[in-house]
């Protein structure tokens, strides 16, 4: 890549501002271009939207490491955000949401569709997400190899923030599965040790809702960030409540989520 590029979809609402502010916070730590993106339903609205974006960035002081640019396109937010991000060579899409209510209002059952239609990672923040020092990144994994594809990106994020990584997984009562999980965890720990990343691994009880236990762990251990890989073969991904509940978590933590099918060579 010739440059670092973060794309921020902005709809002229406070959640768009929240995403932009978080992008600036992240961009101050690495030299990057932040591209404000607005998608309009038809070309007749291109000029007005462009003027609004230009007016918006005039009042923003990003600091020396950031170049702030704008782009307005006519299209469909569910399909074109990911396509544009790939075409532009973006490392990250930083998107704002109102939370569960906002997701239902804006994306309905398509929240996961937006992510799975993209080969670029999404960092989702909520209106009330605080811009604060990231000390602990919570990384939930499971028995699938796809879930491990988030660990490398989480490591990149750890290097940017200087944060610890807390890998969590559910205990396995079956001896074979338990051994398999242990091997996967060892691979992750070795990877982080090679990169000099401080990490912790916690196995939690397998009974009850996994997403609730992830949130409870983050709350108890003062987690500042959640990172996960979305992977599902379901024909009805809107019923995958695990990913959705973490993206719009009640703690208002930022959430990095990737489509594991497209994540083999992603990086910040």
C-alpha atoms as a PDB file:
ATOM      1  CA  UNK A   1       0.000   0.000   0.000  1.00  0.00           C
ATOM      2  CA  UNK A   2       1.253   3.483  -0.792  1.00  0.00           C
ATOM      3  CA  UNK A   3      -0.631   4.999   2.138  1.00  0.00           C
ATOM      4  CA  UNK A   4      -2.721   4.210   5.173  1.00  0.00           C
ATOM      5  CA  UNK A   5      -6.369   4.931   4.451  1.00  0.00           C
ATOM      6  CA  UNK A   6      -9.331   4.871   6.821  1.00  0.00           C
ATOM      7  CA  UNK A   7     -12.788   5.368   5.326  1.00  0.00           C
ATOM      8  CA  UNK A   8     -15.496   6.923   7.511  1.00  0.00           C
ATOM      9  CA  UNK A   9     -19.077   6.720   6.201  1.00  0.00           C
ATOM     10  CA  UNK A  10     -20.781   9.908   7.406  1.00  0.00           C
ATOM     11  CA  UNK A  11     -24.513  10.665   7.265  1.00  0.00           C
ATOM     12  CA  UNK A  12     -24.395  14.153   8.860  1.00  0.00           C
ATOM     13  CA  UNK A  13     -25.577  12.843  12.239  1.00  0.00           C
ATOM     14  CA  UNK A  14     -23.877  12.652  15.670  1.00  0.00           C
ATOM     15  CA  UNK A  15     -22.989   9.005  15.077  1.00  0.00           C
ATOM     16  CA  UNK A  16     -21.104  10.040  11.962  1.00  0.00           C
ATOM     17  CA  UNK A  17     -19.259  12.582  14.096  1.00  0.00           C
ATOM     18  CA  UNK A  18     -18.488   9.857  16.642  1.00  0.00           C
ATOM     19  CA  UNK A  19     -16.930   7.685  13.934  1.00  0.00           C
ATOM     20  CA  UNK A  20     -14.913  10.602  12.577  1.00  0.00           C
ATOM     21  CA  UNK A  21     -13.642  11.560  16.030  1.00  0.00           C
ATOM     22  CA  UNK A  22     -12.547   7.987  16.689  1.00  0.00           C
ATOM     23  CA  UNK A  23     -10.851   7.809  13.299  1.00  0.00           C
ATOM     24  CA  UNK A  24      -8.927  10.983  14.103  1.00  0.00           C
ATOM     25  CA  UNK A  25      -7.925   9.549  17.483  1.00  0.00           C
ATOM     26  CA  UNK A  26      -6.615   6.403  15.797  1.00  0.00           C
ATOM     27  CA  UNK A  27      -5.053   8.298  12.923  1.00  0.00           C
ATOM     28  CA  UNK A  28      -3.024  10.495  15.250  1.00  0.00           C
ATOM     29  CA  UNK A  29      -1.039   7.411  16.198  1.00  0.00           C
ATOM     30  CA  UNK A  30      -0.151   6.450  12.611  1.00  0.00           C
ATOM     31  CA  UNK A  31       0.288   8.626   9.527  1.00  0.00           C
ATOM     32  CA  UNK A  32      -2.920   8.189   7.573  1.00  0.00           C
ATOM     33  CA  UNK A  33      -5.536   9.600   5.237  1.00  0.00           C
ATOM     34  CA  UNK A  34      -9.093   9.716   6.555  1.00  0.00           C
ATOM     35  CA  UNK A  35     -11.667   9.797   3.802  1.00  0.00           C
ATOM     36  CA  UNK A  36     -15.155  10.959   4.734  1.00  0.00           C
ATOM     37  CA  UNK A  37     -17.627   9.048   2.595  1.00  0.00           C
ATOM     38  CA  UNK A  38     -21.265   9.896   1.978  1.00  0.00           C
ATOM     39  CA  UNK A  39     -23.503   7.663  -0.128  1.00  0.00           C
ATOM     40  CA  UNK A  40     -26.530   9.243  -1.799  1.00  0.00           C
ATOM     41  CA  UNK A  41     -29.370   7.318  -3.469  1.00  0.00           C
ATOM     42  CA  UNK A  42     -29.171   9.260  -6.720  1.00  0.00           C
ATOM     43  CA  UNK A  43     -26.775  11.585  -8.543  1.00  0.00           C
ATOM     44  CA  UNK A  44     -29.038  14.606  -8.124  1.00  0.00           C
ATOM     45  CA  UNK A  45     -27.942  14.865  -4.509  1.00  0.00           C
ATOM     46  CA  UNK A  46     -24.187  14.633  -5.124  1.00  0.00           C
ATOM     47  CA  UNK A  47     -23.429  18.381  -5.183  1.00  0.00           C
ATOM     48  CA  UNK A  48     -25.288  19.243  -1.971  1.00  0.00           C
ATOM     49  CA  UNK A  49     -23.721  16.338  -0.088  1.00  0.00           C
ATOM     50  CA  UNK A  50     -20.251  17.310  -1.287  1.00  0.00           C
ATOM     51  CA  UNK A  51     -20.778  20.876  -0.047  1.00  0.00           C
ATOM     52  CA  UNK A  52     -21.891  19.598   3.367  1.00  0.00           C
ATOM     53  CA  UNK A  53     -18.811  17.404   3.719  1.00  0.00           C
ATOM     54  CA  UNK A  54     -16.466  20.194   2.693  1.00  0.00           C
ATOM     55  CA  UNK A  55     -18.079  22.529   5.223  1.00  0.00           C
ATOM     56  CA  UNK A  56     -17.760  19.852   7.892  1.00  0.00           C
ATOM     57  CA  UNK A  57     -14.026  19.333   7.507  1.00  0.00           C
ATOM     58  CA  UNK A  58     -13.243  23.064   7.484  1.00  0.00           C
ATOM     59  CA  UNK A  59     -13.794  23.262  11.246  1.00  0.00           C
ATOM     60  CA  UNK A  60     -11.783  20.141  12.109  1.00  0.00           C
ATOM     61  CA  UNK A  61      -8.194  20.206  13.306  1.00  0.00           C
ATOM     62  CA  UNK A  62      -6.762  16.747  12.701  1.00  0.00           C
ATOM     63  CA  UNK A  63      -3.103  17.314  13.565  1.00  0.00           C
ATOM     64  CA  UNK A  64       0.029  16.763  11.455  1.00  0.00           C
ATOM     65  CA  UNK A  65      -0.305  12.994  10.844  1.00  0.00           C
ATOM     66  CA  UNK A  66      -3.701  13.088   9.160  1.00  0.00           C
ATOM     67  CA  UNK A  67      -4.910  14.122   5.738  1.00  0.00           C
ATOM     68  CA  UNK A  68      -8.688  14.586   5.686  1.00  0.00           C
ATOM     69  CA  UNK A  69     -10.439  14.106   2.341  1.00  0.00           C
ATOM     70  CA  UNK A  70     -14.021  13.630   1.153  1.00  0.00           C
ATOM     71  CA  UNK A  71     -15.870  11.474  -1.347  1.00  0.00           C
ATOM     72  CA  UNK A  72     -19.531  11.406  -2.319  1.00  0.00           C
ATOM     73  CA  UNK A  73     -20.930   8.574  -4.430  1.00  0.00           C
ATOM     74  CA  UNK A  74     -24.353   7.522  -5.641  1.00  0.00           C
ATOM     75  CA  UNK A  75     -25.194   3.983  -4.694  1.00  0.00           C
ATOM     76  CA  UNK A  76     -26.310   1.564  -1.984  1.00  0.00           C
ATOM     77  CA  UNK A  77     -24.710   1.652   1.480  1.00  0.00           C
ATOM     78  CA  UNK A  78     -25.102  -2.101   1.925  1.00  0.00           C
ATOM     79  CA  UNK A  79     -23.078  -2.921  -1.154  1.00  0.00           C
ATOM     80  CA  UNK A  80     -20.952   0.037  -2.144  1.00  0.00           C
ATOM     81  CA  UNK A  81     -19.109   0.923   1.075  1.00  0.00           C
ATOM     82  CA  UNK A  82     -17.112  -2.300   1.024  1.00  0.00           C
ATOM     83  CA  UNK A  83     -16.543  -2.160  -2.742  1.00  0.00           C
ATOM     84  CA  UNK A  84     -15.268   1.394  -2.584  1.00  0.00           C
ATOM     85  CA  UNK A  85     -13.012   0.619   0.389  1.00  0.00           C
ATOM     86  CA  UNK A  86     -11.432  -2.256  -1.510  1.00  0.00           C
ATOM     87  CA  UNK A  87     -11.026  -0.183  -4.667  1.00  0.00           C
ATOM     88  CA  UNK A  88      -9.392   2.646  -2.711  1.00  0.00           C
ATOM     89  CA  UNK A  89      -7.047   0.238  -0.911  1.00  0.00           C
ATOM     90  CA  UNK A  90      -8.367   1.110   2.564  1.00  0.00           C
ATOM     91  CA  UNK A  91      -7.099  -0.655   5.661  1.00  0.00           C
ATOM     92  CA  UNK A  92     -10.170   0.092   7.755  1.00  0.00           C
ATOM     93  CA  UNK A  93     -13.773   1.310   7.612  1.00  0.00           C
ATOM     94  CA  UNK A  94     -14.756   3.233  10.750  1.00  0.00           C
ATOM     95  CA  UNK A  95     -18.520   3.409  11.091  1.00  0.00           C
ATOM     96  CA  UNK A  96     -20.886   4.873  13.679  1.00  0.00           C
ATOM     97  CA  UNK A  97     -24.155   3.402  14.946  1.00  0.00           C
ATOM     98  CA  UNK A  98     -26.798   4.370  17.480  1.00  0.00           C
ATOM     99  CA  UNK A  99     -26.597   0.907  19.035  1.00  0.00           C
ATOM    100  CA  UNK A 100     -29.305  -1.720  18.851  1.00  0.00           C
ATOM    101  CA  UNK A 101     -32.078   0.771  18.065  1.00  0.00           C
ATOM    102  CA  UNK A 102     -29.946   2.551  15.522  1.00  0.00           C
ATOM    103  CA  UNK A 103     -28.852  -0.647  13.858  1.00  0.00           C
ATOM    104  CA  UNK A 104     -32.464  -1.754  13.517  1.00  0.00           C
ATOM    105  CA  UNK A 105     -33.470   1.635  12.141  1.00  0.00           C
ATOM    106  CA  UNK A 106     -30.587   2.120   9.720  1.00  0.00           C
ATOM    107  CA  UNK A 107     -29.515  -1.381   8.791  1.00  0.00           C
ATOM    108  CA  UNK A 108     -32.398  -3.539   9.995  1.00  0.00           C
ATOM    109  CA  UNK A 109     -31.379  -7.170   9.676  1.00  0.00           C
ATOM    110  CA  UNK A 110     -28.546  -6.249   7.306  1.00  0.00           C
ATOM    111  CA  UNK A 111     -25.926  -5.260   9.876  1.00  0.00           C
ATOM    112  CA  UNK A 112     -23.958  -8.423   9.213  1.00  0.00           C
ATOM    113  CA  UNK A 113     -24.627  -8.118   5.479  1.00  0.00           C
ATOM    114  CA  UNK A 114     -22.693  -4.837   5.476  1.00  0.00           C
ATOM    115  CA  UNK A 115     -19.696  -6.536   7.083  1.00  0.00           C
ATOM    116  CA  UNK A 116     -19.794  -9.733   5.049  1.00  0.00           C
ATOM    117  CA  UNK A 117     -20.053  -7.787   1.806  1.00  0.00           C
ATOM    118  CA  UNK A 118     -16.684  -6.175   2.573  1.00  0.00           C
ATOM    119  CA  UNK A 119     -13.133  -7.479   2.382  1.00  0.00           C
ATOM    120  CA  UNK A 120     -12.024  -4.552   4.560  1.00  0.00           C
ATOM    121  CA  UNK A 121     -12.353  -4.655   8.376  1.00  0.00           C
ATOM    122  CA  UNK A 122     -15.004  -2.552  10.103  1.00  0.00           C
ATOM    123  CA  UNK A 123     -14.422  -0.641  13.321  1.00  0.00           C
ATOM    124  CA  UNK A 124     -17.852   0.205  14.712  1.00  0.00           C
ATOM    125  CA  UNK A 125     -18.387   2.859  17.371  1.00  0.00           C
ATOM    126  CA  UNK A 126     -21.578   4.025  19.017  1.00  0.00           C
ATOM    127  CA  UNK A 127     -22.770   7.543  19.710  1.00  0.00           C
ATOM    128  CA  UNK A 128     -21.685   7.250  23.355  1.00  0.00           C
ATOM    129  CA  UNK A 129     -18.376   5.500  22.702  1.00  0.00           C
ATOM    130  CA  UNK A 130     -15.713   7.363  24.650  1.00  0.00           C
ATOM    131  CA  UNK A 131     -12.404   8.286  23.133  1.00  0.00           C
ATOM    132  CA  UNK A 132     -10.104   6.970  25.810  1.00  0.00           C
ATOM    133  CA  UNK A 133      -6.784   5.211  26.161  1.00  0.00           C
ATOM    134  CA  UNK A 134      -7.059   1.597  25.000  1.00  0.00           C
ATOM    135  CA  UNK A 135      -5.316  -0.619  27.531  1.00  0.00           C
ATOM    136  CA  UNK A 136      -7.109  -3.948  27.090  1.00  0.00           C
ATOM    137  CA  UNK A 137      -8.462  -5.507  23.900  1.00  0.00           C
ATOM    138  CA  UNK A 138     -10.942  -8.364  24.353  1.00  0.00           C
ATOM    139  CA  UNK A 139     -10.678 -11.050  21.653  1.00  0.00           C
ATOM    140  CA  UNK A 140     -13.298 -13.839  21.832  1.00  0.00           C
ATOM    141  CA  UNK A 141     -12.509 -16.978  19.847  1.00  0.00           C
ATOM    142  CA  UNK A 142     -14.126 -20.392  19.464  1.00  0.00           C
ATOM    143  CA  UNK A 143     -13.240 -23.821  18.134  1.00  0.00           C
ATOM    144  CA  UNK A 144     -13.200 -22.739  14.498  1.00  0.00           C
ATOM    145  CA  UNK A 145     -10.043 -21.745  12.691  1.00  0.00           C
ATOM    146  CA  UNK A 146     -11.944 -18.819  11.177  1.00  0.00           C
ATOM    147  CA  UNK A 147     -12.323 -17.171  14.563  1.00  0.00           C
ATOM    148  CA  UNK A 148      -8.529 -16.999  14.868  1.00  0.00           C
ATOM    149  CA  UNK A 149      -8.259 -14.722  11.846  1.00  0.00           C
ATOM    150  CA  UNK A 150      -8.937 -11.719  14.090  1.00  0.00           C
ATOM    151  CA  UNK A 151      -5.859 -12.363  16.224  1.00  0.00           C
ATOM    152  CA  UNK A 152      -3.366 -10.861  13.776  1.00  0.00           C
ATOM    153  CA  UNK A 153      -5.413  -7.675  13.335  1.00  0.00           C
ATOM    154  CA  UNK A 154      -5.914  -7.439  17.077  1.00  0.00           C
ATOM    155  CA  UNK A 155      -2.135  -7.615  17.374  1.00  0.00           C
ATOM    156  CA  UNK A 156      -1.771  -4.709  14.949  1.00  0.00           C
ATOM    157  CA  UNK A 157      -4.229  -2.741  17.059  1.00  0.00           C
ATOM    158  CA  UNK A 158      -2.309  -3.666  20.197  1.00  0.00           C
ATOM    159  CA  UNK A 159       0.880  -2.267  18.666  1.00  0.00           C
ATOM    160  CA  UNK A 160      -0.868   0.996  17.774  1.00  0.00           C
ATOM    161  CA  UNK A 161      -2.292   1.512  21.263  1.00  0.00           C
ATOM    162  CA  UNK A 162       0.335  -0.328  23.318  1.00  0.00           C
ATOM    163  CA  UNK A 163      -2.492  -2.443  24.744  1.00  0.00           C
ATOM    164  CA  UNK A 164      -2.750  -5.895  26.287  1.00  0.00           C
ATOM    165  CA  UNK A 165      -4.781  -8.540  24.497  1.00  0.00           C
ATOM    166  CA  UNK A 166      -7.194 -10.721  26.435  1.00  0.00           C
ATOM    167  CA  UNK A 167      -8.109 -13.837  24.449  1.00  0.00           C
ATOM    168  CA  UNK A 168     -11.165 -15.619  25.815  1.00  0.00           C
ATOM    169  CA  UNK A 169     -12.815 -18.894  24.875  1.00  0.00           C
ATOM    170  CA  UNK A 170     -15.352 -21.291  26.319  1.00  0.00           C
ATOM    171  CA  UNK A 171     -14.094 -24.413  28.093  1.00  0.00           C
ATOM    172  CA  UNK A 172     -14.561 -27.739  26.342  1.00  0.00           C
ATOM    173  CA  UNK A 173     -15.602 -30.764  28.393  1.00  0.00           C
ATOM    174  CA  UNK A 174     -14.773 -33.206  25.601  1.00  0.00           C
ATOM    175  CA  UNK A 175     -11.128 -34.286  25.885  1.00  0.00           C
ATOM    176  CA  UNK A 176     -10.436 -34.188  22.147  1.00  0.00           C
ATOM    177  CA  UNK A 177     -12.038 -30.771  21.718  1.00  0.00           C
ATOM    178  CA  UNK A 178     -10.263 -29.483  24.802  1.00  0.00           C
ATOM    179  CA  UNK A 179      -6.911 -30.578  23.377  1.00  0.00           C
ATOM    180  CA  UNK A 180      -7.759 -28.977  20.036  1.00  0.00           C
ATOM    181  CA  UNK A 181      -8.672 -25.703  21.771  1.00  0.00           C
ATOM    182  CA  UNK A 182      -5.454 -25.826  23.766  1.00  0.00           C
ATOM    183  CA  UNK A 183      -3.444 -26.183  20.564  1.00  0.00           C
ATOM    184  CA  UNK A 184      -5.206 -23.218  18.989  1.00  0.00           C
ATOM    185  CA  UNK A 185      -4.578 -21.080  22.045  1.00  0.00           C
ATOM    186  CA  UNK A 186      -0.905 -22.062  22.051  1.00  0.00           C
ATOM    187  CA  UNK A 187      -0.606 -20.886  18.446  1.00  0.00           C
ATOM    188  CA  UNK A 188      -2.111 -17.531  19.367  1.00  0.00           C
ATOM    189  CA  UNK A 189       0.131 -17.120  22.411  1.00  0.00           C
ATOM    190  CA  UNK A 190       3.237 -17.995  20.372  1.00  0.00           C
ATOM    191  CA  UNK A 191       2.234 -15.462  17.726  1.00  0.00           C
ATOM    192  CA  UNK A 192       1.900 -12.711  20.309  1.00  0.00           C
ATOM    193  CA  UNK A 193       5.135 -13.636  22.052  1.00  0.00           C
ATOM    194  CA  UNK A 194       7.001 -13.385  18.744  1.00  0.00           C
ATOM    195  CA  UNK A 195       5.577  -9.880  18.295  1.00  0.00           C
ATOM    196  CA  UNK A 196       6.321  -8.875  21.910  1.00  0.00           C
ATOM    197  CA  UNK A 197       2.627  -8.359  22.602  1.00  0.00           C
ATOM    198  CA  UNK A 198       1.446  -8.845  26.158  1.00  0.00           C
ATOM    199  CA  UNK A 199      -1.491 -11.256  26.184  1.00  0.00           C
ATOM    200  CA  UNK A 200      -3.716 -13.138  28.605  1.00  0.00           C
ATOM    201  CA  UNK A 201      -5.841 -16.212  27.919  1.00  0.00           C
ATOM    202  CA  UNK A 202      -8.978 -17.002  29.908  1.00  0.00           C
ATOM    203  CA  UNK A 203     -11.247 -20.035  29.583  1.00  0.00           C
ATOM    204  CA  UNK A 204     -14.787 -19.383  30.757  1.00  0.00           C
ATOM    205  CA  UNK A 205     -17.622 -21.773  31.591  1.00  0.00           C
ATOM    206  CA  UNK A 206     -19.463 -23.059  28.547  1.00  0.00           C
ATOM    207  CA  UNK A 207     -22.975 -22.780  29.976  1.00  0.00           C
ATOM    208  CA  UNK A 208     -25.113 -19.767  29.164  1.00  0.00           C
ATOM    209  CA  UNK A 209     -24.884 -17.070  26.523  1.00  0.00           C
ATOM    210  CA  UNK A 210     -21.364 -16.632  25.132  1.00  0.00           C
ATOM    211  CA  UNK A 211     -21.981 -13.038  24.083  1.00  0.00           C
ATOM    212  CA  UNK A 212     -23.166 -12.146  27.604  1.00  0.00           C
ATOM    213  CA  UNK A 213     -20.063 -13.755  29.073  1.00  0.00           C
ATOM    214  CA  UNK A 214     -17.849 -11.784  26.699  1.00  0.00           C
ATOM    215  CA  UNK A 215     -19.500  -8.530  27.791  1.00  0.00           C
ATOM    216  CA  UNK A 216     -19.328  -9.539  31.469  1.00  0.00           C
ATOM    217  CA  UNK A 217     -15.631 -10.337  31.055  1.00  0.00           C
ATOM    218  CA  UNK A 218     -14.993  -6.982  29.401  1.00  0.00           C
ATOM    219  CA  UNK A 219     -16.814  -5.198  32.198  1.00  0.00           C
ATOM    220  CA  UNK A 220     -15.088  -7.096  35.015  1.00  0.00           C
ATOM    221  CA  UNK A 221     -11.630  -6.755  33.479  1.00  0.00           C
ATOM    222  CA  UNK A 222     -12.045  -3.152  32.329  1.00  0.00           C
ATOM    223  CA  UNK A 223     -11.857  -3.951  28.636  1.00  0.00           C
ATOM    224  CA  UNK A 224     -11.585  -0.979  26.305  1.00  0.00           C
ATOM    225  CA  UNK A 225     -12.076  -2.630  22.927  1.00  0.00           C
ATOM    226  CA  UNK A 226     -13.596  -5.773  21.388  1.00  0.00           C
ATOM    227  CA  UNK A 227     -12.238  -7.524  18.303  1.00  0.00           C
ATOM    228  CA  UNK A 228     -13.826 -10.518  16.595  1.00  0.00           C
ATOM    229  CA  UNK A 229     -14.074 -12.387  13.315  1.00  0.00           C
ATOM    230  CA  UNK A 230     -17.526 -12.928  11.887  1.00  0.00           C
ATOM    231  CA  UNK A 231     -17.958 -16.324  10.300  1.00  0.00           C
ATOM    232  CA  UNK A 232     -21.228 -18.007   9.488  1.00  0.00           C
ATOM    233  CA  UNK A 233     -22.467 -20.290   6.765  1.00  0.00           C
ATOM    234  CA  UNK A 234     -26.047 -19.417   7.669  1.00  0.00           C
ATOM    235  CA  UNK A 235     -28.311 -18.351   4.832  1.00  0.00           C
ATOM    236  CA  UNK A 236     -29.990 -16.021   7.343  1.00  0.00           C
ATOM    237  CA  UNK A 237     -27.097 -14.145   8.979  1.00  0.00           C
ATOM    238  CA  UNK A 238     -29.455 -11.642  10.609  1.00  0.00           C
ATOM    239  CA  UNK A 239     -30.111 -14.335  13.223  1.00  0.00           C
ATOM    240  CA  UNK A 240     -26.465 -14.433  14.291  1.00  0.00           C
ATOM    241  CA  UNK A 241     -27.017 -12.512  17.506  1.00  0.00           C
ATOM    242  CA  UNK A 242     -23.476 -13.128  18.779  1.00  0.00           C
ATOM    243  CA  UNK A 243     -21.791 -10.771  16.319  1.00  0.00           C
ATOM    244  CA  UNK A 244     -24.565  -8.178  16.394  1.00  0.00           C
ATOM    245  CA  UNK A 245     -24.692  -8.042  20.196  1.00  0.00           C
ATOM    246  CA  UNK A 246     -20.944  -7.444  20.407  1.00  0.00           C
ATOM    247  CA  UNK A 247     -20.950  -4.796  17.689  1.00  0.00           C
ATOM    248  CA  UNK A 248     -23.704  -2.866  19.519  1.00  0.00           C
ATOM    249  CA  UNK A 249     -22.566  -3.860  23.018  1.00  0.00           C
ATOM    250  CA  UNK A 250     -24.149  -2.236  26.068  1.00  0.00           C
ATOM    251  CA  UNK A 251     -20.770  -0.951  27.282  1.00  0.00           C
ATOM    252  CA  UNK A 252     -20.455   1.237  24.159  1.00  0.00           C
ATOM    253  CA  UNK A 253     -17.007  -0.225  23.488  1.00  0.00           C
ATOM    254  CA  UNK A 254     -15.603   0.134  19.980  1.00  0.00           C
ATOM    255  CA  UNK A 255     -15.692  -3.164  18.097  1.00  0.00           C
ATOM    256  CA  UNK A 256     -13.374  -4.326  15.333  1.00  0.00           C
ATOM    257  CA  UNK A 257     -15.127  -6.939  13.186  1.00  0.00           C
ATOM    258  CA  UNK A 258     -13.927  -8.706  10.070  1.00  0.00           C
ATOM    259  CA  UNK A 259     -15.413 -11.088   7.571  1.00  0.00           C
ATOM    260  CA  UNK A 260     -13.217 -14.125   8.193  1.00  0.00           C
ATOM    261  CA  UNK A 261     -13.668 -15.379   4.630  1.00  0.00           C
ATOM    262  CA  UNK A 262     -11.733 -12.391   3.325  1.00  0.00           C
ATOM    263  CA  UNK A 263      -9.309 -11.772   6.178  1.00  0.00           C
ATOM    264  CA  UNK A 264      -6.189 -13.749   5.304  1.00  0.00           C
ATOM    265  CA  UNK A 265      -3.995 -10.794   4.308  1.00  0.00           C
ATOM    266  CA  UNK A 266      -5.546  -7.817   6.084  1.00  0.00           C
ATOM    267  CA  UNK A 267      -3.540  -5.369   8.164  1.00  0.00           C
ATOM    268  CA  UNK A 268      -3.610  -1.794   9.471  1.00  0.00           C
END
